[in-house]
């Protein structure tokens, strides 16, 4: 049997979280079109007859860290690089030009001394491509795969190659029944908080998501079988609080409704989501 840790690394919005969700077969990492939706490394397990892969999905490396939040996120990615990994998947988006940000990620990838695979994502998009700018990488990486994480194209051959590169483990050392849920480092509160934060990213403007986080304070089951969840969206400014609540509370109701439906789908239970908005200028220092 094969077993090992596989690192996903790339700049923001290359599709790492979409890839992970589609490999695992259910949502384990939140996604949105906005950069650095992922704020910390997420570990999730994939199993088949060949063995087990523990994927480590890292936040995208940004070229600048002008604010405390971005600086903390980049530090978490660098920490993940220093963990014990067996294979690294370096994912690029051929629809975006190479730039300093990409060069920085490549510099980090070159420091990894384990087997590395170049993964060219979004091949379902042909209208806009800068693939020639990445051609030189094919000489540096012995394994190159072109995939579409969104459309689930050519993922199986990539997974097969990953298994070939992973170390053999004895059956008695193989991890069994690690968790009934594939996420290894998120408990229920953190996972639900991530789903709520995803809805903020998807439904608000460009500025607000980066000034917010979500915290789940309580999960309990009522006598009627309904899952009761008390949660807060934290932001650092009264003005943003007003925008998140919206006129007559419409926006927070909309965010809560979409979050509740997805939580219900993920848990198979009826959900009552008690969602509020609070201002905390120091939430980055406290919760990241």
C-alpha atoms as a PDB file:
ATOM      1  CA  UNK A   1       0.000   0.000   0.000  1.00  0.00           C
ATOM      2  CA  UNK A   2       1.081   3.552  -0.669  1.00  0.00           C
ATOM      3  CA  UNK A   3       0.660   6.404   1.782  1.00  0.00           C
ATOM      4  CA  UNK A   4       2.034   9.933   2.056  1.00  0.00           C
ATOM      5  CA  UNK A   5       1.584  13.684   2.239  1.00  0.00           C
ATOM      6  CA  UNK A   6       1.057  15.648  -0.963  1.00  0.00           C
ATOM      7  CA  UNK A   7       1.466  19.419  -0.931  1.00  0.00           C
ATOM      8  CA  UNK A   8      -0.626  21.653  -3.209  1.00  0.00           C
ATOM      9  CA  UNK A   9       1.163  24.908  -3.925  1.00  0.00           C
ATOM     10  CA  UNK A  10       0.578  27.780  -6.320  1.00  0.00           C
ATOM     11  CA  UNK A  11      -0.327  31.433  -6.424  1.00  0.00           C
ATOM     12  CA  UNK A  12      -3.883  32.576  -5.548  1.00  0.00           C
ATOM     13  CA  UNK A  13      -6.791  31.412  -7.697  1.00  0.00           C
ATOM     14  CA  UNK A  14      -4.984  28.711  -9.651  1.00  0.00           C
ATOM     15  CA  UNK A  15      -7.615  26.178  -8.587  1.00  0.00           C
ATOM     16  CA  UNK A  16      -6.002  24.235  -5.734  1.00  0.00           C
ATOM     17  CA  UNK A  17      -9.126  24.124  -3.580  1.00  0.00           C
ATOM     18  CA  UNK A  18     -11.349  23.220  -6.540  1.00  0.00           C
ATOM     19  CA  UNK A  19      -8.938  20.401  -7.373  1.00  0.00           C
ATOM     20  CA  UNK A  20      -8.996  19.115  -3.807  1.00  0.00           C
ATOM     21  CA  UNK A  21     -12.792  19.212  -3.560  1.00  0.00           C
ATOM     22  CA  UNK A  22     -13.219  17.288  -6.805  1.00  0.00           C
ATOM     23  CA  UNK A  23     -10.584  14.685  -5.961  1.00  0.00           C
ATOM     24  CA  UNK A  24     -12.076  14.058  -2.522  1.00  0.00           C
ATOM     25  CA  UNK A  25     -15.584  14.041  -3.979  1.00  0.00           C
ATOM     26  CA  UNK A  26     -17.111  16.572  -1.609  1.00  0.00           C
ATOM     27  CA  UNK A  27     -16.391  20.057  -0.366  1.00  0.00           C
ATOM     28  CA  UNK A  28     -13.476  20.195   2.046  1.00  0.00           C
ATOM     29  CA  UNK A  29     -12.086  23.615   1.102  1.00  0.00           C
ATOM     30  CA  UNK A  30     -14.077  26.746   0.365  1.00  0.00           C
ATOM     31  CA  UNK A  31     -13.712  28.414  -3.012  1.00  0.00           C
ATOM     32  CA  UNK A  32     -14.436  31.785  -4.575  1.00  0.00           C
ATOM     33  CA  UNK A  33     -13.116  33.891  -7.455  1.00  0.00           C
ATOM     34  CA  UNK A  34     -11.291  36.122  -4.954  1.00  0.00           C
ATOM     35  CA  UNK A  35      -7.574  35.569  -4.187  1.00  0.00           C
ATOM     36  CA  UNK A  36      -6.569  33.860  -0.950  1.00  0.00           C
ATOM     37  CA  UNK A  37      -9.981  32.517  -0.068  1.00  0.00           C
ATOM     38  CA  UNK A  38      -8.024  29.763   1.706  1.00  0.00           C
ATOM     39  CA  UNK A  39      -6.379  31.246   4.805  1.00  0.00           C
ATOM     40  CA  UNK A  40      -4.657  28.211   6.298  1.00  0.00           C
ATOM     41  CA  UNK A  41      -3.467  24.799   5.215  1.00  0.00           C
ATOM     42  CA  UNK A  42      -6.275  22.257   4.980  1.00  0.00           C
ATOM     43  CA  UNK A  43      -5.426  18.576   5.298  1.00  0.00           C
ATOM     44  CA  UNK A  44      -7.799  16.118   3.685  1.00  0.00           C
ATOM     45  CA  UNK A  45      -7.502  12.394   3.044  1.00  0.00           C
ATOM     46  CA  UNK A  46      -8.126  10.575  -0.230  1.00  0.00           C
ATOM     47  CA  UNK A  47      -8.341   6.789  -0.257  1.00  0.00           C
ATOM     48  CA  UNK A  48      -8.611   4.123  -2.928  1.00  0.00           C
ATOM     49  CA  UNK A  49      -7.384   0.580  -3.476  1.00  0.00           C
ATOM     50  CA  UNK A  50      -3.806   1.802  -3.955  1.00  0.00           C
ATOM     51  CA  UNK A  51      -3.549   3.518  -0.587  1.00  0.00           C
ATOM     52  CA  UNK A  52      -3.999   6.922   1.026  1.00  0.00           C
ATOM     53  CA  UNK A  53      -3.012  10.441   0.086  1.00  0.00           C
ATOM     54  CA  UNK A  54      -3.101  13.205   2.665  1.00  0.00           C
ATOM     55  CA  UNK A  55      -3.444  16.376   0.613  1.00  0.00           C
ATOM     56  CA  UNK A  56      -2.261  19.648   2.137  1.00  0.00           C
ATOM     57  CA  UNK A  57      -4.015  22.571   0.435  1.00  0.00           C
ATOM     58  CA  UNK A  58      -2.087  25.775   1.062  1.00  0.00           C
ATOM     59  CA  UNK A  59      -3.157  29.412   0.738  1.00  0.00           C
ATOM     60  CA  UNK A  60      -1.944  31.006  -2.471  1.00  0.00           C
ATOM     61  CA  UNK A  61       1.346  32.885  -2.163  1.00  0.00           C
ATOM     62  CA  UNK A  62       0.861  36.601  -2.817  1.00  0.00           C
ATOM     63  CA  UNK A  63       3.591  38.844  -4.155  1.00  0.00           C
ATOM     64  CA  UNK A  64       2.901  41.582  -1.598  1.00  0.00           C
ATOM     65  CA  UNK A  65       1.977  41.435   2.063  1.00  0.00           C
ATOM     66  CA  UNK A  66       1.026  45.024   2.753  1.00  0.00           C
ATOM     67  CA  UNK A  67      -1.465  44.138   5.494  1.00  0.00           C
ATOM     68  CA  UNK A  68      -1.341  41.972   8.590  1.00  0.00           C
ATOM     69  CA  UNK A  69      -3.837  39.452   7.210  1.00  0.00           C
ATOM     70  CA  UNK A  70      -1.860  38.727   4.015  1.00  0.00           C
ATOM     71  CA  UNK A  71       1.371  38.485   5.991  1.00  0.00           C
ATOM     72  CA  UNK A  72      -0.135  35.893   8.333  1.00  0.00           C
ATOM     73  CA  UNK A  73      -1.546  33.869   5.448  1.00  0.00           C
ATOM     74  CA  UNK A  74       1.810  33.767   3.654  1.00  0.00           C
ATOM     75  CA  UNK A  75       3.512  32.634   6.862  1.00  0.00           C
ATOM     76  CA  UNK A  76       1.062  29.731   7.144  1.00  0.00           C
ATOM     77  CA  UNK A  77       1.906  28.645   3.610  1.00  0.00           C
ATOM     78  CA  UNK A  78       5.622  28.748   4.364  1.00  0.00           C
ATOM     79  CA  UNK A  79       5.017  26.636   7.477  1.00  0.00           C
ATOM     80  CA  UNK A  80       3.256  24.028   5.343  1.00  0.00           C
ATOM     81  CA  UNK A  81       6.305  23.882   3.075  1.00  0.00           C
ATOM     82  CA  UNK A  82       8.443  22.912   6.047  1.00  0.00           C
ATOM     83  CA  UNK A  83       6.223  19.994   7.018  1.00  0.00           C
ATOM     84  CA  UNK A  84       7.033  16.443   6.051  1.00  0.00           C
ATOM     85  CA  UNK A  85       5.842  16.083   2.462  1.00  0.00           C
ATOM     86  CA  UNK A  86       6.411  13.228   0.043  1.00  0.00           C
ATOM     87  CA  UNK A  87       5.266  14.855  -3.201  1.00  0.00           C
ATOM     88  CA  UNK A  88       4.547  18.449  -4.224  1.00  0.00           C
ATOM     89  CA  UNK A  89       2.019  19.474  -6.873  1.00  0.00           C
ATOM     90  CA  UNK A  90       2.954  22.866  -8.298  1.00  0.00           C
ATOM     91  CA  UNK A  91      -0.204  24.207  -9.921  1.00  0.00           C
ATOM     92  CA  UNK A  92      -0.216  27.005 -12.475  1.00  0.00           C
ATOM     93  CA  UNK A  93      -2.987  28.786 -14.356  1.00  0.00           C
ATOM     94  CA  UNK A  94      -2.081  29.121 -18.033  1.00  0.00           C
ATOM     95  CA  UNK A  95      -4.752  31.814 -18.531  1.00  0.00           C
ATOM     96  CA  UNK A  96      -2.670  34.289 -16.479  1.00  0.00           C
ATOM     97  CA  UNK A  97       0.647  35.851 -17.378  1.00  0.00           C
ATOM     98  CA  UNK A  98       3.793  34.891 -15.538  1.00  0.00           C
ATOM     99  CA  UNK A  99       4.780  37.645 -13.132  1.00  0.00           C
ATOM    100  CA  UNK A 100       6.756  38.312  -9.954  1.00  0.00           C
ATOM    101  CA  UNK A 101       4.151  36.481  -7.884  1.00  0.00           C
ATOM    102  CA  UNK A 102       4.591  33.336  -9.988  1.00  0.00           C
ATOM    103  CA  UNK A 103       8.362  33.674  -9.813  1.00  0.00           C
ATOM    104  CA  UNK A 104       8.170  33.805  -6.028  1.00  0.00           C
ATOM    105  CA  UNK A 105       6.125  30.612  -5.869  1.00  0.00           C
ATOM    106  CA  UNK A 106       8.513  28.879  -8.256  1.00  0.00           C
ATOM    107  CA  UNK A 107      11.414  29.897  -6.031  1.00  0.00           C
ATOM    108  CA  UNK A 108       9.706  28.205  -3.071  1.00  0.00           C
ATOM    109  CA  UNK A 109       8.929  25.091  -5.114  1.00  0.00           C
ATOM    110  CA  UNK A 110      12.575  24.795  -6.118  1.00  0.00           C
ATOM    111  CA  UNK A 111      13.495  24.568  -2.420  1.00  0.00           C
ATOM    112  CA  UNK A 112      11.408  21.422  -1.988  1.00  0.00           C
ATOM    113  CA  UNK A 113      13.688  18.394  -2.210  1.00  0.00           C
ATOM    114  CA  UNK A 114      10.955  15.805  -2.764  1.00  0.00           C
ATOM    115  CA  UNK A 115       9.409  14.663  -6.083  1.00  0.00           C
ATOM    116  CA  UNK A 116       7.517  17.472  -7.780  1.00  0.00           C
ATOM    117  CA  UNK A 117       4.821  17.466 -10.443  1.00  0.00           C
ATOM    118  CA  UNK A 118       3.933  20.442 -12.619  1.00  0.00           C
ATOM    119  CA  UNK A 119       0.145  20.706 -12.939  1.00  0.00           C
ATOM    120  CA  UNK A 120      -1.189  23.053 -15.615  1.00  0.00           C
ATOM    121  CA  UNK A 121      -4.788  23.800 -14.667  1.00  0.00           C
ATOM    122  CA  UNK A 122      -7.791  25.255 -16.524  1.00  0.00           C
ATOM    123  CA  UNK A 123      -7.065  23.582 -19.864  1.00  0.00           C
ATOM    124  CA  UNK A 124     -10.808  23.726 -20.532  1.00  0.00           C
ATOM    125  CA  UNK A 125     -10.229  27.438 -21.240  1.00  0.00           C
ATOM    126  CA  UNK A 126      -8.629  27.881 -24.656  1.00  0.00           C
ATOM    127  CA  UNK A 127      -9.615  31.427 -25.596  1.00  0.00           C
ATOM    128  CA  UNK A 128      -6.986  33.041 -23.384  1.00  0.00           C
ATOM    129  CA  UNK A 129      -3.689  31.264 -22.830  1.00  0.00           C
ATOM    130  CA  UNK A 130      -0.137  32.191 -21.895  1.00  0.00           C
ATOM    131  CA  UNK A 131       1.068  28.604 -22.025  1.00  0.00           C
ATOM    132  CA  UNK A 132       4.227  29.468 -24.028  1.00  0.00           C
ATOM    133  CA  UNK A 133       5.419  31.523 -21.021  1.00  0.00           C
ATOM    134  CA  UNK A 134       5.454  28.327 -18.940  1.00  0.00           C
ATOM    135  CA  UNK A 135       7.014  25.995 -21.529  1.00  0.00           C
ATOM    136  CA  UNK A 136      10.478  26.252 -19.970  1.00  0.00           C
ATOM    137  CA  UNK A 137       9.140  24.563 -16.824  1.00  0.00           C
ATOM    138  CA  UNK A 138       8.589  21.320 -18.731  1.00  0.00           C
ATOM    139  CA  UNK A 139      12.368  20.876 -18.868  1.00  0.00           C
ATOM    140  CA  UNK A 140      12.651  21.373 -15.101  1.00  0.00           C
ATOM    141  CA  UNK A 141       9.825  19.043 -14.040  1.00  0.00           C
ATOM    142  CA  UNK A 142      10.006  15.383 -15.091  1.00  0.00           C
ATOM    143  CA  UNK A 143       6.228  15.033 -14.696  1.00  0.00           C
ATOM    144  CA  UNK A 144       3.821  17.488 -16.322  1.00  0.00           C
ATOM    145  CA  UNK A 145       0.037  17.121 -16.375  1.00  0.00           C
ATOM    146  CA  UNK A 146      -2.568  19.329 -18.008  1.00  0.00           C
ATOM    147  CA  UNK A 147      -5.904  19.171 -16.193  1.00  0.00           C
ATOM    148  CA  UNK A 148      -9.154  20.962 -15.578  1.00  0.00           C
ATOM    149  CA  UNK A 149      -9.930  20.848 -11.863  1.00  0.00           C
ATOM    150  CA  UNK A 150     -13.334  22.411 -12.491  1.00  0.00           C
ATOM    151  CA  UNK A 151     -14.363  20.000 -15.264  1.00  0.00           C
ATOM    152  CA  UNK A 152     -12.555  17.019 -13.662  1.00  0.00           C
ATOM    153  CA  UNK A 153     -10.502  16.407 -16.790  1.00  0.00           C
ATOM    154  CA  UNK A 154      -7.360  14.198 -16.710  1.00  0.00           C
ATOM    155  CA  UNK A 155      -7.288  14.014 -12.919  1.00  0.00           C
ATOM    156  CA  UNK A 156      -7.079  10.215 -12.696  1.00  0.00           C
ATOM    157  CA  UNK A 157      -3.702   9.910 -14.513  1.00  0.00           C
ATOM    158  CA  UNK A 158      -2.316  12.578 -12.178  1.00  0.00           C
ATOM    159  CA  UNK A 159      -3.515  10.706  -9.084  1.00  0.00           C
ATOM    160  CA  UNK A 160      -2.062   7.463 -10.466  1.00  0.00           C
ATOM    161  CA  UNK A 161       1.323   9.135 -10.868  1.00  0.00           C
ATOM    162  CA  UNK A 162       1.156  10.551  -7.340  1.00  0.00           C
ATOM    163  CA  UNK A 163       0.629   7.057  -5.975  1.00  0.00           C
ATOM    164  CA  UNK A 164       3.654   5.826  -7.939  1.00  0.00           C
ATOM    165  CA  UNK A 165       5.805   8.449  -6.224  1.00  0.00           C
ATOM    166  CA  UNK A 166       4.540   7.827  -2.688  1.00  0.00           C
ATOM    167  CA  UNK A 167       6.416   5.515  -0.333  1.00  0.00           C
ATOM    168  CA  UNK A 168       5.253   1.980   0.415  1.00  0.00           C
ATOM    169  CA  UNK A 169       3.947   1.383   3.924  1.00  0.00           C
ATOM    170  CA  UNK A 170       3.322  -1.854   5.755  1.00  0.00           C
ATOM    171  CA  UNK A 171      -0.306  -2.710   6.276  1.00  0.00           C
ATOM    172  CA  UNK A 172      -0.024  -2.468  10.065  1.00  0.00           C
ATOM    173  CA  UNK A 173       1.321   1.079   9.733  1.00  0.00           C
ATOM    174  CA  UNK A 174      -1.395   2.168   7.373  1.00  0.00           C
ATOM    175  CA  UNK A 175      -3.701   4.757   8.910  1.00  0.00           C
ATOM    176  CA  UNK A 176      -7.184   3.330   9.317  1.00  0.00           C
ATOM    177  CA  UNK A 177     -10.436   5.141  10.096  1.00  0.00           C
ATOM    178  CA  UNK A 178      -8.640   8.423  10.613  1.00  0.00           C
ATOM    179  CA  UNK A 179     -11.880  10.324  10.489  1.00  0.00           C
ATOM    180  CA  UNK A 180     -15.331   9.622   9.093  1.00  0.00           C
ATOM    181  CA  UNK A 181     -15.030  13.015   7.401  1.00  0.00           C
ATOM    182  CA  UNK A 182     -12.129  13.532   4.990  1.00  0.00           C
ATOM    183  CA  UNK A 183     -10.882  16.774   6.558  1.00  0.00           C
ATOM    184  CA  UNK A 184      -8.221  15.923   9.130  1.00  0.00           C
ATOM    185  CA  UNK A 185      -7.511  19.297  10.717  1.00  0.00           C
ATOM    186  CA  UNK A 186     -10.913  21.022  10.854  1.00  0.00           C
ATOM    187  CA  UNK A 187     -13.523  20.323  13.497  1.00  0.00           C
ATOM    188  CA  UNK A 188     -17.244  20.910  12.905  1.00  0.00           C
ATOM    189  CA  UNK A 189     -17.190  24.491  14.175  1.00  0.00           C
ATOM    190  CA  UNK A 190     -14.291  25.515  11.955  1.00  0.00           C
ATOM    191  CA  UNK A 191     -15.725  23.797   8.904  1.00  0.00           C
ATOM    192  CA  UNK A 192     -19.107  25.501   9.301  1.00  0.00           C
ATOM    193  CA  UNK A 193     -17.362  28.837   9.919  1.00  0.00           C
ATOM    194  CA  UNK A 194     -15.503  28.348   6.633  1.00  0.00           C
ATOM    195  CA  UNK A 195     -18.765  27.715   4.778  1.00  0.00           C
ATOM    196  CA  UNK A 196     -20.202  30.941   6.184  1.00  0.00           C
ATOM    197  CA  UNK A 197     -17.075  32.869   5.238  1.00  0.00           C
ATOM    198  CA  UNK A 198     -17.308  31.477   1.713  1.00  0.00           C
ATOM    199  CA  UNK A 199     -20.786  32.973   1.344  1.00  0.00           C
ATOM    200  CA  UNK A 200     -19.442  36.363   2.445  1.00  0.00           C
ATOM    201  CA  UNK A 201     -16.734  36.120  -0.222  1.00  0.00           C
ATOM    202  CA  UNK A 202     -19.216  35.163  -2.906  1.00  0.00           C
ATOM    203  CA  UNK A 203     -21.941  37.655  -2.073  1.00  0.00           C
ATOM    204  CA  UNK A 204     -20.114  40.814  -1.032  1.00  0.00           C
ATOM    205  CA  UNK A 205     -17.945  43.293  -2.924  1.00  0.00           C
ATOM    206  CA  UNK A 206     -14.208  43.292  -3.464  1.00  0.00           C
ATOM    207  CA  UNK A 207     -13.174  44.978  -0.216  1.00  0.00           C
ATOM    208  CA  UNK A 208     -15.311  43.466   2.513  1.00  0.00           C
ATOM    209  CA  UNK A 209     -14.251  39.780   2.428  1.00  0.00           C
ATOM    210  CA  UNK A 210     -10.675  40.564   3.410  1.00  0.00           C
ATOM    211  CA  UNK A 211     -11.857  42.429   6.506  1.00  0.00           C
ATOM    212  CA  UNK A 212     -14.080  39.594   7.747  1.00  0.00           C
ATOM    213  CA  UNK A 213     -14.000  36.184   9.317  1.00  0.00           C
ATOM    214  CA  UNK A 214     -16.643  33.846  10.731  1.00  0.00           C
ATOM    215  CA  UNK A 215     -16.768  32.262  14.180  1.00  0.00           C
ATOM    216  CA  UNK A 216     -19.124  29.484  15.315  1.00  0.00           C
ATOM    217  CA  UNK A 217     -19.857  29.694  19.035  1.00  0.00           C
ATOM    218  CA  UNK A 218     -22.353  26.865  19.456  1.00  0.00           C
ATOM    219  CA  UNK A 219     -23.577  23.730  17.691  1.00  0.00           C
ATOM    220  CA  UNK A 220     -26.332  21.784  19.401  1.00  0.00           C
ATOM    221  CA  UNK A 221     -29.202  19.531  18.447  1.00  0.00           C
ATOM    222  CA  UNK A 222     -32.659  20.528  19.559  1.00  0.00           C
ATOM    223  CA  UNK A 223     -35.356  18.106  20.721  1.00  0.00           C
ATOM    224  CA  UNK A 224     -37.046  18.293  17.328  1.00  0.00           C
ATOM    225  CA  UNK A 225     -33.832  17.118  15.633  1.00  0.00           C
ATOM    226  CA  UNK A 226     -32.935  20.544  14.219  1.00  0.00           C
ATOM    227  CA  UNK A 227     -29.251  21.470  14.375  1.00  0.00           C
ATOM    228  CA  UNK A 228     -28.922  24.866  16.082  1.00  0.00           C
ATOM    229  CA  UNK A 229     -25.858  26.902  15.109  1.00  0.00           C
ATOM    230  CA  UNK A 230     -24.934  30.224  16.681  1.00  0.00           C
ATOM    231  CA  UNK A 231     -22.333  32.082  14.606  1.00  0.00           C
ATOM    232  CA  UNK A 232     -20.860  35.533  14.125  1.00  0.00           C
ATOM    233  CA  UNK A 233     -19.351  37.351  11.184  1.00  0.00           C
ATOM    234  CA  UNK A 234     -16.568  39.589  12.469  1.00  0.00           C
ATOM    235  CA  UNK A 235     -15.422  42.703  10.656  1.00  0.00           C
ATOM    236  CA  UNK A 236     -13.060  45.500  11.619  1.00  0.00           C
ATOM    237  CA  UNK A 237     -15.208  48.537  10.801  1.00  0.00           C
ATOM    238  CA  UNK A 238     -18.710  49.789  11.635  1.00  0.00           C
ATOM    239  CA  UNK A 239     -19.197  50.794   8.000  1.00  0.00           C
ATOM    240  CA  UNK A 240     -18.556  47.217   6.867  1.00  0.00           C
ATOM    241  CA  UNK A 241     -20.941  45.929   9.518  1.00  0.00           C
ATOM    242  CA  UNK A 242     -23.704  48.030   7.991  1.00  0.00           C
ATOM    243  CA  UNK A 243     -22.903  46.713   4.521  1.00  0.00           C
ATOM    244  CA  UNK A 244     -22.928  43.107   5.732  1.00  0.00           C
ATOM    245  CA  UNK A 245     -26.290  43.564   7.432  1.00  0.00           C
ATOM    246  CA  UNK A 246     -27.759  45.484   4.514  1.00  0.00           C
ATOM    247  CA  UNK A 247     -30.948  47.522   4.279  1.00  0.00           C
ATOM    248  CA  UNK A 248     -33.541  46.101   6.690  1.00  0.00           C
ATOM    249  CA  UNK A 249     -31.209  43.155   7.317  1.00  0.00           C
ATOM    250  CA  UNK A 250     -31.598  41.785   3.784  1.00  0.00           C
ATOM    251  CA  UNK A 251     -27.920  41.039   3.126  1.00  0.00           C
ATOM    252  CA  UNK A 252     -27.225  39.109   6.339  1.00  0.00           C
ATOM    253  CA  UNK A 253     -30.458  37.133   5.788  1.00  0.00           C
ATOM    254  CA  UNK A 254     -29.304  36.296   2.272  1.00  0.00           C
ATOM    255  CA  UNK A 255     -25.840  35.198   3.459  1.00  0.00           C
ATOM    256  CA  UNK A 256     -27.413  33.171   6.255  1.00  0.00           C
ATOM    257  CA  UNK A 257     -29.902  31.503   3.933  1.00  0.00           C
ATOM    258  CA  UNK A 258     -27.248  30.314   1.475  1.00  0.00           C
ATOM    259  CA  UNK A 259     -24.967  29.167   4.301  1.00  0.00           C
ATOM    260  CA  UNK A 260     -27.798  27.307   6.052  1.00  0.00           C
ATOM    261  CA  UNK A 261     -28.731  25.417   2.883  1.00  0.00           C
ATOM    262  CA  UNK A 262     -25.142  24.255   2.331  1.00  0.00           C
ATOM    263  CA  UNK A 263     -24.636  23.277   5.965  1.00  0.00           C
ATOM    264  CA  UNK A 264     -27.864  21.281   5.794  1.00  0.00           C
ATOM    265  CA  UNK A 265     -26.677  19.568   2.626  1.00  0.00           C
ATOM    266  CA  UNK A 266     -23.295  18.734   4.187  1.00  0.00           C
ATOM    267  CA  UNK A 267     -24.746  17.389   7.438  1.00  0.00           C
ATOM    268  CA  UNK A 268     -27.988  15.840   6.234  1.00  0.00           C
ATOM    269  CA  UNK A 269     -29.873  17.686   8.975  1.00  0.00           C
ATOM    270  CA  UNK A 270     -32.324  20.541   9.216  1.00  0.00           C
ATOM    271  CA  UNK A 271     -30.410  23.618  10.340  1.00  0.00           C
ATOM    272  CA  UNK A 272     -31.326  26.776  12.210  1.00  0.00           C
ATOM    273  CA  UNK A 273     -28.540  29.306  11.761  1.00  0.00           C
ATOM    274  CA  UNK A 274     -28.467  32.201  14.231  1.00  0.00           C
ATOM    275  CA  UNK A 275     -26.094  34.568  12.411  1.00  0.00           C
ATOM    276  CA  UNK A 276     -25.054  38.034  13.590  1.00  0.00           C
ATOM    277  CA  UNK A 277     -22.428  40.621  12.653  1.00  0.00           C
ATOM    278  CA  UNK A 278     -19.981  42.165  15.121  1.00  0.00           C
ATOM    279  CA  UNK A 279     -17.131  44.663  14.915  1.00  0.00           C
ATOM    280  CA  UNK A 280     -13.733  43.604  16.271  1.00  0.00           C
ATOM    281  CA  UNK A 281     -10.729  45.617  15.004  1.00  0.00           C
ATOM    282  CA  UNK A 282      -8.359  42.961  16.365  1.00  0.00           C
ATOM    283  CA  UNK A 283      -9.884  39.780  14.932  1.00  0.00           C
ATOM    284  CA  UNK A 284      -6.831  39.048  12.748  1.00  0.00           C
ATOM    285  CA  UNK A 285      -4.548  38.928  15.795  1.00  0.00           C
ATOM    286  CA  UNK A 286      -7.011  36.798  17.756  1.00  0.00           C
ATOM    287  CA  UNK A 287      -8.315  34.299  15.229  1.00  0.00           C
ATOM    288  CA  UNK A 288      -5.494  33.813  12.695  1.00  0.00           C
END
